Amino acid sequence: MQTDELVKLVETELDFRKGENLVTLYVGDKSSITDYMVIASATSSRHAKSLSDYVAEKAKAAGVMPLGVEGAQVSDWVLLDLGDVIVHIMTGQAREFYQLEKLWSVSAASPNA
């Protein structure tokens, strides 16, 4: 499966399952471990786990085996590693606290600055 197809699959499933405030960031120029990060908010830690389970199942059905899942037991932040796409599902409070969009959207400082 192509990376852009995987991103679309993740976005579609999160949207269908009522993930909120979806943001997709291209980080291939800032990270050697992944090309995209998809960030979504969940209404509770149970909703976050459920969203990650659904996305993982959809990915498996499309032939993409998740490389790992972190925080799925009882957490405000679940990370699902799909290789070229890493999915972050967070409660609103955790998302506001960590501000991943802001962190990954910052441009690298130029060496002359």
Protein backbone atom coordinates (compact mmCIF):
# COMPACT_ATOMS: atom_id res chain seq x y z
CA MET A 1 0.00 0.00 0.00
CA GLN A 2 1.30 3.43 -0.92
CA THR A 3 1.88 5.95 1.87
CA ASP A 4 -0.73 8.41 0.58
CA GLU A 5 -3.30 5.59 0.49
CA LEU A 6 -2.43 4.65 4.07
CA VAL A 7 -2.80 8.27 5.21
CA LYS A 8 -6.22 8.42 3.54
CA LEU A 9 -7.27 5.12 5.14
CA VAL A 10 -6.28 6.40 8.61
CA GLU A 11 -8.00 9.77 8.12
CA THR A 12 -11.17 8.14 6.82
CA GLU A 13 -11.39 5.64 9.68
CA LEU A 14 -10.71 8.26 12.36
CA ASP A 15 -13.32 10.55 10.86
CA PHE A 16 -15.88 7.73 10.56
CA ARG A 17 -15.30 6.69 14.19
CA LYS A 18 -15.80 10.25 15.45
CA GLY A 19 -12.18 11.24 15.98
CA GLU A 20 -12.06 15.00 16.37
CA ASN A 21 -9.80 17.77 15.05
CA LEU A 22 -7.85 15.59 12.63
CA VAL A 23 -4.51 17.02 11.57
CA THR A 24 -2.07 15.37 9.17
CA LEU A 25 1.53 16.57 9.20
CA TYR A 26 4.22 15.72 6.68
CA VAL A 27 7.36 15.20 8.77
CA GLY A 28 9.51 13.30 6.28
CA ASP A 29 11.85 16.27 6.03
CA LYS A 30 12.22 16.44 9.84
CA SER A 31 12.25 12.78 10.85
CA SER A 32 13.96 9.64 9.64
CA ILE A 33 11.43 7.34 11.33
CA THR A 34 8.22 8.27 9.51
CA ASP A 35 6.79 10.40 6.72
CA TYR A 36 3.45 11.41 8.21
CA MET A 37 1.87 11.95 11.59
CA VAL A 38 -1.88 11.93 11.92
CA ILE A 39 -3.16 13.49 15.13
CA ALA A 40 -6.74 13.18 16.38
CA SER A 41 -8.59 13.99 19.56
CA ALA A 42 -10.74 11.50 21.43
CA THR A 43 -13.48 12.25 23.93
CA SER A 44 -12.00 9.89 26.56
CA SER A 45 -9.18 7.39 27.07
CA ARG A 46 -11.64 4.59 26.20
CA HIS A 47 -12.52 6.37 22.94
CA ALA A 48 -8.78 6.77 22.17
CA LYS A 49 -8.20 3.03 22.61
CA SER A 50 -11.24 2.23 20.50
CA LEU A 51 -10.08 4.55 17.70
CA SER A 52 -6.61 2.99 17.67
CA ASP A 53 -8.13 -0.52 17.59
CA TYR A 54 -10.34 0.36 14.62
CA VAL A 55 -7.49 1.99 12.70
CA ALA A 56 -5.22 -0.99 13.39
CA GLU A 57 -7.87 -3.43 12.16
CA LYS A 58 -8.46 -1.40 8.98
CA ALA A 59 -4.71 -1.23 8.34
CA LYS A 60 -4.34 -5.00 8.85
CA ALA A 61 -7.21 -5.64 6.44
CA ALA A 62 -5.36 -3.50 3.88
CA GLY A 63 -2.17 -5.52 4.40
CA VAL A 64 -0.31 -3.10 6.70
CA MET A 65 0.72 -4.68 9.98
CA PRO A 66 1.10 -2.21 12.86
CA LEU A 67 4.67 -2.09 14.14
CA GLY A 68 3.56 -1.17 17.63
CA VAL A 69 0.98 0.42 19.88
CA GLU A 70 1.80 2.42 23.00
CA GLY A 71 -0.52 3.73 25.69
CA ALA A 72 -3.56 1.67 24.75
CA GLN A 73 -4.31 0.28 28.21
CA VAL A 74 -5.43 3.35 30.16
CA SER A 75 -3.94 6.42 28.68
CA ASP A 76 -4.77 9.90 27.46
CA TRP A 77 -2.44 9.33 24.50
CA VAL A 78 -2.33 6.29 22.22
CA LEU A 79 0.38 6.00 19.60
CA LEU A 80 -0.10 3.60 16.68
CA ASP A 81 2.97 3.00 14.53
CA LEU A 82 2.12 2.04 10.96
CA GLY A 83 5.62 2.63 9.61
CA ASP A 84 5.32 5.50 7.15
CA VAL A 85 2.40 6.86 9.18
CA ILE A 86 2.33 7.33 12.94
CA VAL A 87 -1.08 7.95 14.47
CA HIS A 88 -1.44 9.93 17.71
CA ILE A 89 -4.84 9.76 19.37
CA MET A 90 -5.13 11.98 22.43
CA THR A 91 -7.75 13.30 24.79
CA GLY A 92 -8.33 17.03 24.42
CA GLN A 93 -6.46 17.77 27.64
CA ALA A 94 -3.38 15.76 26.60
CA ARG A 95 -3.42 17.28 23.13
CA GLU A 96 -3.53 20.79 24.52
CA PHE A 97 -0.71 20.00 26.96
CA TYR A 98 1.70 18.36 24.47
CA GLN A 99 0.86 20.51 21.42
CA LEU A 100 2.36 18.08 18.88
CA GLU A 101 1.17 20.15 15.92
CA LYS A 102 3.13 23.12 17.16
CA LEU A 103 6.19 21.02 17.98
CA TRP A 104 6.36 19.35 14.55
CA SER A 105 5.36 22.46 12.59
CA VAL A 106 8.34 24.50 13.78
CA SER A 107 10.88 25.00 11.03
CA ALA A 108 14.47 24.10 11.71
CA ALA A 109 16.55 27.09 12.74
CA SER A 110 18.97 28.23 10.09
CA PRO A 111 22.66 27.92 11.01
CA ASN A 112 23.11 31.66 10.43
CA ALA A 113 20.43 32.67 12.96
